[in-house]
Amino acid sequence: MDSRSTFSDRSYPKPLSVGCVSDSVTHDPPYLASLRKSCDYLMGDAILTPPTEQDVFLEKLVIIPHNYLANDCHQQIADIPLNRALYGLPESGFVFCCFNHNIKIEPTIFEVWMKILAAVPGSLLWLLNRVKMAEDNLQREAKKLGIDGERLIFAPPLPKAEHLARHRLADLFLDTYYYNAHTTGSDALVAGVPILTCPGRTFASRVGASLLTAAGLPELIAQNLQEYEKLAVELARSPTIVEQLKQKLVRSHTKVQQLKEKLAANKLTFPLFDTPRLARNIEKAYQKMWEIYTSGNSPQQIIINDTPS
């Protein structure tokens, strides 16, 4: 049985269909055209799916406060000693990372990344190793752009708790461009690694900006790729900018360290990390959809007001 035809069959016993934690079916290729008739609503947020852009979506938009992507606020991060050498990283050098799937890395953003590495001597790019062919191809393309392929370090898959732990060896997560980090972005923020992103004009290219806004780090949203490159280099090069004497303890912070500390503090209060809050807002959305349906009305755009703790 073709699961796609079952899903798209309007005789299937479902009065309403909702696209949630996925991209809009509006943008699916022609061979999934039947799916386009099956979703009544698409759940997003004000950054991913601005209400003013309703006319470009076939689904009616449901605007969830802050961020649409659910995060488990009780995720376990392995309590293990972290050693750079153990994970194939050199003992020194600024560590940029991107643990997105290799297929999200395309020439535009890769060229920007290589410019960043060129501008920050000794820095490296830590990527996830999913396909050996992709590893070889990326190292080859790096060399074409004047960067030693050995500066691309590939991380093997690990159990989730240890994978989250190893994030802490990274300094800054560089987001992909046309298709942003989704779960991988949430993982980085949960683990305390700031993300640098540059939003585009599509659902998939705005997820990073949505995550950072909900995490209280909007200063890491670049307006264009030139600003993205400049900010990445600035953060990696930043000298000590704050020195504070407190109880005979001198604490110095670089900009990246400040961002990490801000992220750690925000985990206690900001909506990205408040799973029960998101659950309440989603429940309100489903209730509103059902009220519209039982009133005999066609689907219509819904904007949910926040329900904080």
C-alpha atoms as a PDB file:
ATOM      1  CA  MET A   1       0.000   0.000   0.000  1.00  0.00           C
ATOM      2  CA  ASP A   2       1.286   3.477  -0.852  1.00  0.00           C
ATOM      3  CA  SER A   3       1.299   5.424   2.414  1.00  0.00           C
ATOM      4  CA  ARG A   4       1.255   8.681   0.478  1.00  0.00           C
ATOM      5  CA  SER A   5      -2.041   7.853  -1.219  1.00  0.00           C
ATOM      6  CA  THR A   6      -3.540   6.782   2.116  1.00  0.00           C
ATOM      7  CA  PHE A   7      -2.465  10.060   3.712  1.00  0.00           C
ATOM      8  CA  SER A   8      -3.803  12.162   0.872  1.00  0.00           C
ATOM      9  CA  ASP A   9      -7.145  10.392   0.550  1.00  0.00           C
ATOM     10  CA  ARG A  10      -9.807  12.770   1.890  1.00  0.00           C
ATOM     11  CA  SER A  11     -12.045   9.816   2.698  1.00  0.00           C
ATOM     12  CA  TYR A  12      -9.550   8.840   5.393  1.00  0.00           C
ATOM     13  CA  PRO A  13     -11.275   9.344   8.793  1.00  0.00           C
ATOM     14  CA  LYS A  14      -9.663  12.629   9.760  1.00  0.00           C
ATOM     15  CA  PRO A  15     -11.697  15.831   9.788  1.00  0.00           C
ATOM     16  CA  LEU A  16      -8.559  17.983   9.974  1.00  0.00           C
ATOM     17  CA  SER A  17      -4.941  17.532   8.948  1.00  0.00           C
ATOM     18  CA  VAL A  18      -2.117  19.598  10.401  1.00  0.00           C
ATOM     19  CA  GLY A  19       1.470  19.934   9.227  1.00  0.00           C
ATOM     20  CA  CYS A  20       3.576  20.123  12.359  1.00  0.00           C
ATOM     21  CA  VAL A  21       7.352  19.955  12.942  1.00  0.00           C
ATOM     22  CA  SER A  22       7.855  19.843   9.189  1.00  0.00           C
ATOM     23  CA  ASP A  23       8.190  22.147   6.248  1.00  0.00           C
ATOM     24  CA  SER A  24       5.140  23.337   4.396  1.00  0.00           C
ATOM     25  CA  VAL A  25       3.686  20.879   1.898  1.00  0.00           C
ATOM     26  CA  THR A  26       3.111  23.936  -0.263  1.00  0.00           C
ATOM     27  CA  HIS A  27       6.689  23.500  -1.425  1.00  0.00           C
ATOM     28  CA  ASP A  28       6.571  19.765  -2.123  1.00  0.00           C
ATOM     29  CA  PRO A  29       7.510  18.549  -5.625  1.00  0.00           C
ATOM     30  CA  PRO A  30       4.808  17.625  -8.161  1.00  0.00           C
ATOM     31  CA  TYR A  31       4.860  13.898  -7.400  1.00  0.00           C
ATOM     32  CA  LEU A  32       3.488  14.782  -3.939  1.00  0.00           C
ATOM     33  CA  ALA A  33       0.793  17.039  -5.365  1.00  0.00           C
ATOM     34  CA  SER A  34      -1.968  14.969  -3.773  1.00  0.00           C
ATOM     35  CA  LEU A  35      -0.545  15.791  -0.334  1.00  0.00           C
ATOM     36  CA  ARG A  36      -1.177  19.444  -0.964  1.00  0.00           C
ATOM     37  CA  LYS A  37      -4.902  18.876  -0.736  1.00  0.00           C
ATOM     38  CA  SER A  38      -4.705  16.989   2.519  1.00  0.00           C
ATOM     39  CA  CYS A  39      -3.275  19.500   5.006  1.00  0.00           C
ATOM     40  CA  ASP A  40      -5.624  22.127   6.320  1.00  0.00           C
ATOM     41  CA  TYR A  41      -3.162  23.832   8.634  1.00  0.00           C
ATOM     42  CA  LEU A  42       0.578  24.408   8.962  1.00  0.00           C
ATOM     43  CA  MET A  43       1.979  25.040  12.411  1.00  0.00           C
ATOM     44  CA  GLY A  44       4.794  27.593  12.540  1.00  0.00           C
ATOM     45  CA  ASP A  45       5.764  30.798  14.300  1.00  0.00           C
ATOM     46  CA  ALA A  46       6.026  34.471  13.452  1.00  0.00           C
ATOM     47  CA  ILE A  47       9.561  34.147  12.047  1.00  0.00           C
ATOM     48  CA  LEU A  48       9.130  30.916  10.092  1.00  0.00           C
ATOM     49  CA  THR A  49       5.685  31.647   8.763  1.00  0.00           C
ATOM     50  CA  PRO A  50       4.902  35.371   9.103  1.00  0.00           C
ATOM     51  CA  PRO A  51       1.112  35.932   9.161  1.00  0.00           C
ATOM     52  CA  THR A  52       1.527  38.528   6.419  1.00  0.00           C
ATOM     53  CA  GLU A  53       2.735  35.782   4.053  1.00  0.00           C
ATOM     54  CA  GLN A  54      -0.413  33.681   4.317  1.00  0.00           C
ATOM     55  CA  ASP A  55      -1.087  34.084   0.605  1.00  0.00           C
ATOM     56  CA  VAL A  56       2.009  32.051  -0.359  1.00  0.00           C
ATOM     57  CA  PHE A  57       0.855  29.005   1.632  1.00  0.00           C
ATOM     58  CA  LEU A  58      -1.885  26.588   0.638  1.00  0.00           C
ATOM     59  CA  GLU A  59      -2.361  25.642   4.275  1.00  0.00           C
ATOM     60  CA  LYS A  60      -3.811  28.070   6.790  1.00  0.00           C
ATOM     61  CA  LEU A  61      -1.101  29.182   9.177  1.00  0.00           C
ATOM     62  CA  VAL A  62      -1.172  28.492  12.886  1.00  0.00           C
ATOM     63  CA  ILE A  63       1.225  30.905  14.588  1.00  0.00           C
ATOM     64  CA  ILE A  64       2.657  29.461  17.797  1.00  0.00           C
ATOM     65  CA  PRO A  65       4.350  31.945  20.175  1.00  0.00           C
ATOM     66  CA  HIS A  66       8.155  32.106  20.127  1.00  0.00           C
ATOM     67  CA  ASN A  67       9.174  28.887  18.346  1.00  0.00           C
ATOM     68  CA  TYR A  68       7.322  25.975  16.796  1.00  0.00           C
ATOM     69  CA  LEU A  69       9.947  23.288  17.407  1.00  0.00           C
ATOM     70  CA  ALA A  70       9.526  21.206  20.543  1.00  0.00           C
ATOM     71  CA  ASN A  71      12.564  20.660  22.749  1.00  0.00           C
ATOM     72  CA  ASP A  72      12.928  18.192  25.570  1.00  0.00           C
ATOM     73  CA  CYS A  73      13.893  20.300  28.563  1.00  0.00           C
ATOM     74  CA  HIS A  74      15.009  17.144  30.394  1.00  0.00           C
ATOM     75  CA  GLN A  75      17.515  15.891  27.825  1.00  0.00           C
ATOM     76  CA  GLN A  76      20.455  14.144  29.411  1.00  0.00           C
ATOM     77  CA  ILE A  77      23.956  15.397  28.645  1.00  0.00           C
ATOM     78  CA  ALA A  78      26.619  12.835  29.496  1.00  0.00           C
ATOM     79  CA  ASP A  79      28.745  13.804  32.465  1.00  0.00           C
ATOM     80  CA  ILE A  80      32.077  12.709  31.029  1.00  0.00           C
ATOM     81  CA  PRO A  81      35.582  14.183  30.862  1.00  0.00           C
ATOM     82  CA  LEU A  82      36.035  16.117  27.644  1.00  0.00           C
ATOM     83  CA  ASN A  83      39.358  15.874  25.882  1.00  0.00           C
ATOM     84  CA  ARG A  84      39.906  17.448  22.465  1.00  0.00           C
ATOM     85  CA  ALA A  85      42.367  14.762  21.389  1.00  0.00           C
ATOM     86  CA  LEU A  86      39.845  12.053  22.218  1.00  0.00           C
ATOM     87  CA  TYR A  87      37.511  13.513  19.592  1.00  0.00           C
ATOM     88  CA  GLY A  88      40.183  14.090  16.958  1.00  0.00           C
ATOM     89  CA  LEU A  89      40.548  17.819  17.640  1.00  0.00           C
ATOM     90  CA  PRO A  90      43.901  19.604  17.952  1.00  0.00           C
ATOM     91  CA  GLU A  91      44.842  20.943  21.360  1.00  0.00           C
ATOM     92  CA  SER A  92      44.527  24.567  20.259  1.00  0.00           C
ATOM     93  CA  GLY A  93      42.573  26.596  17.738  1.00  0.00           C
ATOM     94  CA  PHE A  94      39.081  28.038  17.527  1.00  0.00           C
ATOM     95  CA  VAL A  95      36.529  25.309  16.831  1.00  0.00           C
ATOM     96  CA  PHE A  96      33.712  26.151  14.446  1.00  0.00           C
ATOM     97  CA  CYS A  97      31.214  23.322  14.130  1.00  0.00           C
ATOM     98  CA  CYS A  98      28.183  22.297  12.138  1.00  0.00           C
ATOM     99  CA  PHE A  99      26.544  18.997  12.979  1.00  0.00           C
ATOM    100  CA  ASN A 100      23.867  19.343  10.310  1.00  0.00           C
ATOM    101  CA  HIS A 101      23.436  16.537   7.808  1.00  0.00           C
ATOM    102  CA  ASN A 102      26.006  16.724   5.015  1.00  0.00           C
ATOM    103  CA  ILE A 103      23.279  17.198   2.397  1.00  0.00           C
ATOM    104  CA  LYS A 104      22.549  20.659   3.851  1.00  0.00           C
ATOM    105  CA  ILE A 105      26.045  21.860   2.971  1.00  0.00           C
ATOM    106  CA  GLU A 106      25.943  23.505  -0.455  1.00  0.00           C
ATOM    107  CA  PRO A 107      28.525  25.601  -2.354  1.00  0.00           C
ATOM    108  CA  THR A 108      27.318  29.034  -1.232  1.00  0.00           C
ATOM    109  CA  ILE A 109      27.680  28.506   2.508  1.00  0.00           C
ATOM    110  CA  PHE A 110      30.717  26.245   2.131  1.00  0.00           C
ATOM    111  CA  GLU A 111      32.610  29.014   0.344  1.00  0.00           C
ATOM    112  CA  VAL A 112      31.712  31.419   3.163  1.00  0.00           C
ATOM    113  CA  TRP A 113      32.961  28.887   5.710  1.00  0.00           C
ATOM    114  CA  MET A 114      36.271  28.573   3.885  1.00  0.00           C
ATOM    115  CA  LYS A 115      36.649  32.371   3.887  1.00  0.00           C
ATOM    116  CA  ILE A 116      36.082  32.304   7.644  1.00  0.00           C
ATOM    117  CA  LEU A 117      38.734  29.628   8.141  1.00  0.00           C
ATOM    118  CA  ALA A 118      41.159  31.605   5.968  1.00  0.00           C
ATOM    119  CA  ALA A 119      40.607  34.699   8.101  1.00  0.00           C
ATOM    120  CA  VAL A 120      41.103  32.840  11.396  1.00  0.00           C
ATOM    121  CA  PRO A 121      44.493  31.064  11.353  1.00  0.00           C
ATOM    122  CA  GLY A 122      44.558  27.812  13.297  1.00  0.00           C
ATOM    123  CA  SER A 123      40.790  27.485  13.342  1.00  0.00           C
ATOM    124  CA  LEU A 124      39.019  24.348  12.195  1.00  0.00           C
ATOM    125  CA  LEU A 125      35.581  23.207  11.117  1.00  0.00           C
ATOM    126  CA  TRP A 126      34.071  20.229  12.960  1.00  0.00           C
ATOM    127  CA  LEU A 127      31.455  18.395  10.908  1.00  0.00           C
ATOM    128  CA  LEU A 128      29.375  15.264  11.361  1.00  0.00           C
ATOM    129  CA  ASN A 129      30.603  12.243   9.422  1.00  0.00           C
ATOM    130  CA  ARG A 130      27.658  10.450   7.850  1.00  0.00           C
ATOM    131  CA  VAL A 131      28.957   9.468   4.416  1.00  0.00           C
ATOM    132  CA  LYS A 132      32.638   8.852   3.592  1.00  0.00           C
ATOM    133  CA  MET A 133      32.124  10.146   0.059  1.00  0.00           C
ATOM    134  CA  ALA A 134      30.849  13.439   1.451  1.00  0.00           C
ATOM    135  CA  GLU A 135      33.907  13.709   3.697  1.00  0.00           C
ATOM    136  CA  ASP A 136      36.223  13.221   0.712  1.00  0.00           C
ATOM    137  CA  ASN A 137      34.281  15.672  -1.429  1.00  0.00           C
ATOM    138  CA  LEU A 138      34.253  18.395   1.222  1.00  0.00           C
ATOM    139  CA  GLN A 139      37.981  18.100   1.860  1.00  0.00           C
ATOM    140  CA  ARG A 140      38.633  18.240  -1.886  1.00  0.00           C
ATOM    141  CA  GLU A 141      36.496  21.361  -2.288  1.00  0.00           C
ATOM    142  CA  ALA A 142      38.212  22.975   0.695  1.00  0.00           C
ATOM    143  CA  LYS A 143      41.577  22.527  -1.041  1.00  0.00           C
ATOM    144  CA  LYS A 144      40.176  24.124  -4.187  1.00  0.00           C
ATOM    145  CA  LEU A 145      39.296  27.163  -2.064  1.00  0.00           C
ATOM    146  CA  GLY A 146      42.769  27.347  -0.565  1.00  0.00           C
ATOM    147  CA  ILE A 147      42.086  25.593   2.731  1.00  0.00           C
ATOM    148  CA  ASP A 148      43.938  22.490   3.884  1.00  0.00           C
ATOM    149  CA  GLY A 149      41.419  19.665   3.941  1.00  0.00           C
ATOM    150  CA  GLU A 150      42.846  18.526   7.277  1.00  0.00           C
ATOM    151  CA  ARG A 151      41.235  21.579   8.883  1.00  0.00           C
ATOM    152  CA  LEU A 152      37.889  19.842   8.361  1.00  0.00           C
ATOM    153  CA  ILE A 153      37.472  17.367  11.215  1.00  0.00           C
ATOM    154  CA  PHE A 154      34.728  14.755  10.970  1.00  0.00           C
ATOM    155  CA  ALA A 155      32.889  13.471  14.027  1.00  0.00           C
ATOM    156  CA  PRO A 156      31.464   9.936  14.007  1.00  0.00           C
ATOM    157  CA  PRO A 157      27.923   9.274  15.258  1.00  0.00           C
ATOM    158  CA  LEU A 158      27.633   8.798  19.029  1.00  0.00           C
ATOM    159  CA  PRO A 159      24.824   8.065  21.499  1.00  0.00           C
ATOM    160  CA  LYS A 160      22.774  11.226  21.994  1.00  0.00           C
ATOM    161  CA  ALA A 161      23.930  12.038  25.531  1.00  0.00           C
ATOM    162  CA  GLU A 162      27.610  11.835  24.583  1.00  0.00           C
ATOM    163  CA  HIS A 163      26.997  13.711  21.339  1.00  0.00           C
ATOM    164  CA  LEU A 164      25.478  16.579  23.321  1.00  0.00           C
ATOM    165  CA  ALA A 165      28.435  16.503  25.704  1.00  0.00           C
ATOM    166  CA  ARG A 166      31.030  16.793  22.942  1.00  0.00           C
ATOM    167  CA  HIS A 167      29.356  19.977  21.703  1.00  0.00           C
ATOM    168  CA  ARG A 168      31.073  21.722  24.594  1.00  0.00           C
ATOM    169  CA  LEU A 169      34.412  21.362  22.836  1.00  0.00           C
ATOM    170  CA  ALA A 170      33.098  23.636  20.075  1.00  0.00           C
ATOM    171  CA  ASP A 171      33.164  27.416  20.257  1.00  0.00           C
ATOM    172  CA  LEU A 172      30.593  28.448  17.647  1.00  0.00           C
ATOM    173  CA  PHE A 173      28.048  26.547  15.546  1.00  0.00           C
ATOM    174  CA  LEU A 174      27.906  27.782  11.932  1.00  0.00           C
ATOM    175  CA  ASP A 175      24.445  27.255  10.508  1.00  0.00           C
ATOM    176  CA  THR A 176      23.793  26.163   6.939  1.00  0.00           C
ATOM    177  CA  TYR A 177      22.038  28.619   4.661  1.00  0.00           C
ATOM    178  CA  TYR A 178      19.243  27.304   2.447  1.00  0.00           C
ATOM    179  CA  TYR A 179      18.246  24.581   4.911  1.00  0.00           C
ATOM    180  CA  ASN A 180      19.028  25.560   8.497  1.00  0.00           C
ATOM    181  CA  ALA A 181      19.702  23.428  11.530  1.00  0.00           C
ATOM    182  CA  HIS A 182      16.477  22.170  13.075  1.00  0.00           C
ATOM    183  CA  THR A 183      16.961  19.503  15.753  1.00  0.00           C
ATOM    184  CA  THR A 184      20.729  19.908  15.439  1.00  0.00           C
ATOM    185  CA  GLY A 185      20.318  23.600  16.216  1.00  0.00           C
ATOM    186  CA  SER A 186      18.253  22.835  19.285  1.00  0.00           C
ATOM    187  CA  ASP A 187      20.879  20.319  20.375  1.00  0.00           C
ATOM    188  CA  ALA A 188      23.653  22.901  20.107  1.00  0.00           C
ATOM    189  CA  LEU A 189      21.733  25.462  22.132  1.00  0.00           C
ATOM    190  CA  VAL A 190      20.748  22.903  24.767  1.00  0.00           C
ATOM    191  CA  ALA A 191      24.424  21.933  25.042  1.00  0.00           C
ATOM    192  CA  GLY A 192      25.433  25.572  25.450  1.00  0.00           C
ATOM    193  CA  VAL A 193      26.975  26.302  22.042  1.00  0.00           C
ATOM    194  CA  PRO A 194      25.927  29.577  20.361  1.00  0.00           C
ATOM    195  CA  ILE A 195      24.704  29.379  16.761  1.00  0.00           C
ATOM    196  CA  LEU A 196      25.393  31.886  14.015  1.00  0.00           C
ATOM    197  CA  THR A 197      22.692  31.921  11.325  1.00  0.00           C
ATOM    198  CA  CYS A 198      21.594  33.922   8.303  1.00  0.00           C
ATOM    199  CA  PRO A 199      17.882  33.569   7.508  1.00  0.00           C
ATOM    200  CA  GLY A 200      16.510  33.320   3.992  1.00  0.00           C
ATOM    201  CA  ARG A 201      13.026  33.621   2.509  1.00  0.00           C
ATOM    202  CA  THR A 202      11.743  30.093   3.100  1.00  0.00           C
ATOM    203  CA  PHE A 203      10.481  28.067   6.035  1.00  0.00           C
ATOM    204  CA  ALA A 204      13.577  25.849   6.094  1.00  0.00           C
ATOM    205  CA  SER A 205      15.965  28.803   5.957  1.00  0.00           C
ATOM    206  CA  ARG A 206      14.376  30.657   8.885  1.00  0.00           C
ATOM    207  CA  VAL A 207      14.512  27.956  11.554  1.00  0.00           C
ATOM    208  CA  GLY A 208      17.871  29.120  12.944  1.00  0.00           C
ATOM    209  CA  ALA A 209      16.569  32.663  13.443  1.00  0.00           C
ATOM    210  CA  SER A 210      13.471  31.290  15.148  1.00  0.00           C
ATOM    211  CA  LEU A 211      15.559  29.151  17.521  1.00  0.00           C
ATOM    212  CA  LEU A 212      17.922  31.994  18.414  1.00  0.00           C
ATOM    213  CA  THR A 213      15.092  34.438  19.046  1.00  0.00           C
ATOM    214  CA  ALA A 214      13.384  31.974  21.379  1.00  0.00           C
ATOM    215  CA  ALA A 215      16.730  31.351  23.117  1.00  0.00           C
ATOM    216  CA  GLY A 216      17.309  35.061  23.695  1.00  0.00           C
ATOM    217  CA  LEU A 217      20.276  35.388  21.311  1.00  0.00           C
ATOM    218  CA  PRO A 218      18.986  37.530  18.431  1.00  0.00           C
ATOM    219  CA  GLU A 219      22.394  39.195  18.098  1.00  0.00           C
ATOM    220  CA  LEU A 220      23.582  36.031  16.336  1.00  0.00           C
ATOM    221  CA  ILE A 221      21.141  36.459  13.445  1.00  0.00           C
ATOM    222  CA  ALA A 222      23.043  37.942  10.506  1.00  0.00           C
ATOM    223  CA  GLN A 223      21.134  39.963   7.937  1.00  0.00           C
ATOM    224  CA  ASN A 224      23.190  38.695   5.008  1.00  0.00           C
ATOM    225  CA  LEU A 225      26.100  36.361   4.295  1.00  0.00           C
ATOM    226  CA  GLN A 226      28.633  39.204   4.381  1.00  0.00           C
ATOM    227  CA  GLU A 227      27.542  40.033   7.928  1.00  0.00           C
ATOM    228  CA  TYR A 228      27.531  36.321   8.797  1.00  0.00           C
ATOM    229  CA  GLU A 229      31.163  35.998   7.680  1.00  0.00           C
ATOM    230  CA  LYS A 230      32.219  39.185   9.447  1.00  0.00           C
ATOM    231  CA  LEU A 231      30.573  38.219  12.735  1.00  0.00           C
ATOM    232  CA  ALA A 232      32.043  34.707  12.693  1.00  0.00           C
ATOM    233  CA  VAL A 233      35.540  36.120  12.205  1.00  0.00           C
ATOM    234  CA  GLU A 234      35.003  38.807  14.826  1.00  0.00           C
ATOM    235  CA  LEU A 235      33.888  36.283  17.428  1.00  0.00           C
ATOM    236  CA  ALA A 236      36.803  33.969  16.706  1.00  0.00           C
ATOM    237  CA  ARG A 237      39.351  36.775  16.834  1.00  0.00           C
ATOM    238  CA  SER A 238      37.933  38.666  19.786  1.00  0.00           C
ATOM    239  CA  PRO A 239      40.469  39.439  22.507  1.00  0.00           C
ATOM    240  CA  THR A 240      39.496  39.612  26.139  1.00  0.00           C
ATOM    241  CA  ILE A 241      36.936  42.396  26.366  1.00  0.00           C
ATOM    242  CA  VAL A 242      35.825  42.178  29.944  1.00  0.00           C
ATOM    243  CA  GLU A 243      37.944  41.733  33.037  1.00  0.00           C
ATOM    244  CA  GLN A 244      36.290  41.866  36.376  1.00  0.00           C
ATOM    245  CA  LEU A 245      37.719  41.608  39.832  1.00  0.00           C
ATOM    246  CA  LYS A 246      35.376  39.906  42.280  1.00  0.00           C
ATOM    247  CA  GLN A 247      36.349  38.499  45.621  1.00  0.00           C
ATOM    248  CA  LYS A 248      40.011  38.395  44.530  1.00  0.00           C
ATOM    249  CA  LEU A 249      39.009  36.279  41.540  1.00  0.00           C
ATOM    250  CA  VAL A 250      39.781  37.727  38.142  1.00  0.00           C
ATOM    251  CA  ARG A 251      37.366  36.534  35.524  1.00  0.00           C
ATOM    252  CA  SER A 252      37.946  37.368  31.892  1.00  0.00           C
ATOM    253  CA  HIS A 253      35.420  36.727  29.160  1.00  0.00           C
ATOM    254  CA  THR A 254      35.715  36.662  25.413  1.00  0.00           C
ATOM    255  CA  LYS A 255      32.644  37.446  23.337  1.00  0.00           C
ATOM    256  CA  VAL A 256      32.052  33.756  22.682  1.00  0.00           C
ATOM    257  CA  GLN A 257      32.350  32.953  26.380  1.00  0.00           C
ATOM    258  CA  GLN A 258      29.847  35.695  27.127  1.00  0.00           C
ATOM    259  CA  LEU A 259      27.422  34.219  24.626  1.00  0.00           C
ATOM    260  CA  LYS A 260      27.819  30.765  26.166  1.00  0.00           C
ATOM    261  CA  GLU A 261      27.170  32.163  29.641  1.00  0.00           C
ATOM    262  CA  LYS A 262      24.140  34.075  28.394  1.00  0.00           C
ATOM    263  CA  LEU A 263      22.843  30.902  26.765  1.00  0.00           C
ATOM    264  CA  ALA A 264      23.298  28.932  29.982  1.00  0.00           C
ATOM    265  CA  ALA A 265      21.357  31.574  31.911  1.00  0.00           C
ATOM    266  CA  ASN A 266      18.638  31.746  29.273  1.00  0.00           C
ATOM    267  CA  LYS A 267      18.041  27.989  29.522  1.00  0.00           C
ATOM    268  CA  LEU A 268      16.404  28.694  32.863  1.00  0.00           C
ATOM    269  CA  THR A 269      13.952  31.280  31.590  1.00  0.00           C
ATOM    270  CA  PHE A 270      13.608  31.530  27.809  1.00  0.00           C
ATOM    271  CA  PRO A 271      10.764  29.868  25.876  1.00  0.00           C
ATOM    272  CA  LEU A 272      12.934  27.674  23.630  1.00  0.00           C
ATOM    273  CA  PHE A 273      13.740  25.537  26.668  1.00  0.00           C
ATOM    274  CA  ASP A 274      10.270  25.641  28.255  1.00  0.00           C
ATOM    275  CA  THR A 275       8.657  22.432  26.963  1.00  0.00           C
ATOM    276  CA  PRO A 276       5.478  22.600  29.091  1.00  0.00           C
ATOM    277  CA  ARG A 277       4.882  26.152  27.853  1.00  0.00           C
ATOM    278  CA  LEU A 278       5.060  25.026  24.226  1.00  0.00           C
ATOM    279  CA  ALA A 279       2.740  22.095  24.986  1.00  0.00           C
ATOM    280  CA  ARG A 280       0.132  24.459  26.430  1.00  0.00           C
ATOM    281  CA  ASN A 281       0.324  26.718  23.373  1.00  0.00           C
ATOM    282  CA  ILE A 282      -0.005  23.777  20.970  1.00  0.00           C
ATOM    283  CA  GLU A 283      -3.008  22.476  22.924  1.00  0.00           C
ATOM    284  CA  LYS A 284      -4.634  25.898  22.559  1.00  0.00           C
ATOM    285  CA  ALA A 285      -3.983  25.753  18.826  1.00  0.00           C
ATOM    286  CA  TYR A 286      -5.625  22.337  18.442  1.00  0.00           C
ATOM    287  CA  GLN A 287      -8.581  23.489  20.478  1.00  0.00           C
ATOM    288  CA  LYS A 288      -9.026  26.539  18.265  1.00  0.00           C
ATOM    289  CA  MET A 289      -8.817  24.432  15.085  1.00  0.00           C
ATOM    290  CA  TRP A 290     -11.493  22.120  16.455  1.00  0.00           C
ATOM    291  CA  GLU A 291     -13.758  25.012  17.424  1.00  0.00           C
ATOM    292  CA  ILE A 292     -13.551  26.407  13.895  1.00  0.00           C
ATOM    293  CA  TYR A 293     -14.316  22.993  12.417  1.00  0.00           C
ATOM    294  CA  THR A 294     -17.267  22.196  14.710  1.00  0.00           C
ATOM    295  CA  SER A 295     -18.724  25.627  13.990  1.00  0.00           C
ATOM    296  CA  GLY A 296     -19.001  24.613  10.352  1.00  0.00           C
ATOM    297  CA  ASN A 297     -16.381  27.086   9.164  1.00  0.00           C
ATOM    298  CA  SER A 298     -13.507  26.508   6.766  1.00  0.00           C
ATOM    299  CA  PRO A 299      -9.952  26.533   8.114  1.00  0.00           C
ATOM    300  CA  GLN A 300      -8.632  30.012   8.820  1.00  0.00           C
ATOM    301  CA  GLN A 301      -5.397  31.532  10.058  1.00  0.00           C
ATOM    302  CA  ILE A 302      -4.882  31.207  13.804  1.00  0.00           C
ATOM    303  CA  ILE A 303      -2.586  33.256  16.011  1.00  0.00           C
ATOM    304  CA  ILE A 304      -2.066  31.835  19.505  1.00  0.00           C
ATOM    305  CA  ASN A 305      -1.378  34.080  22.472  1.00  0.00           C
ATOM    306  CA  ASP A 306       1.353  32.912  24.813  1.00  0.00           C
ATOM    307  CA  THR A 307       0.558  30.851  27.908  1.00  0.00           C
ATOM    308  CA  PRO A 308       3.630  31.231  30.133  1.00  0.00           C
ATOM    309  CA  SER A 309       4.241  29.163  33.236  1.00  0.00           C
END
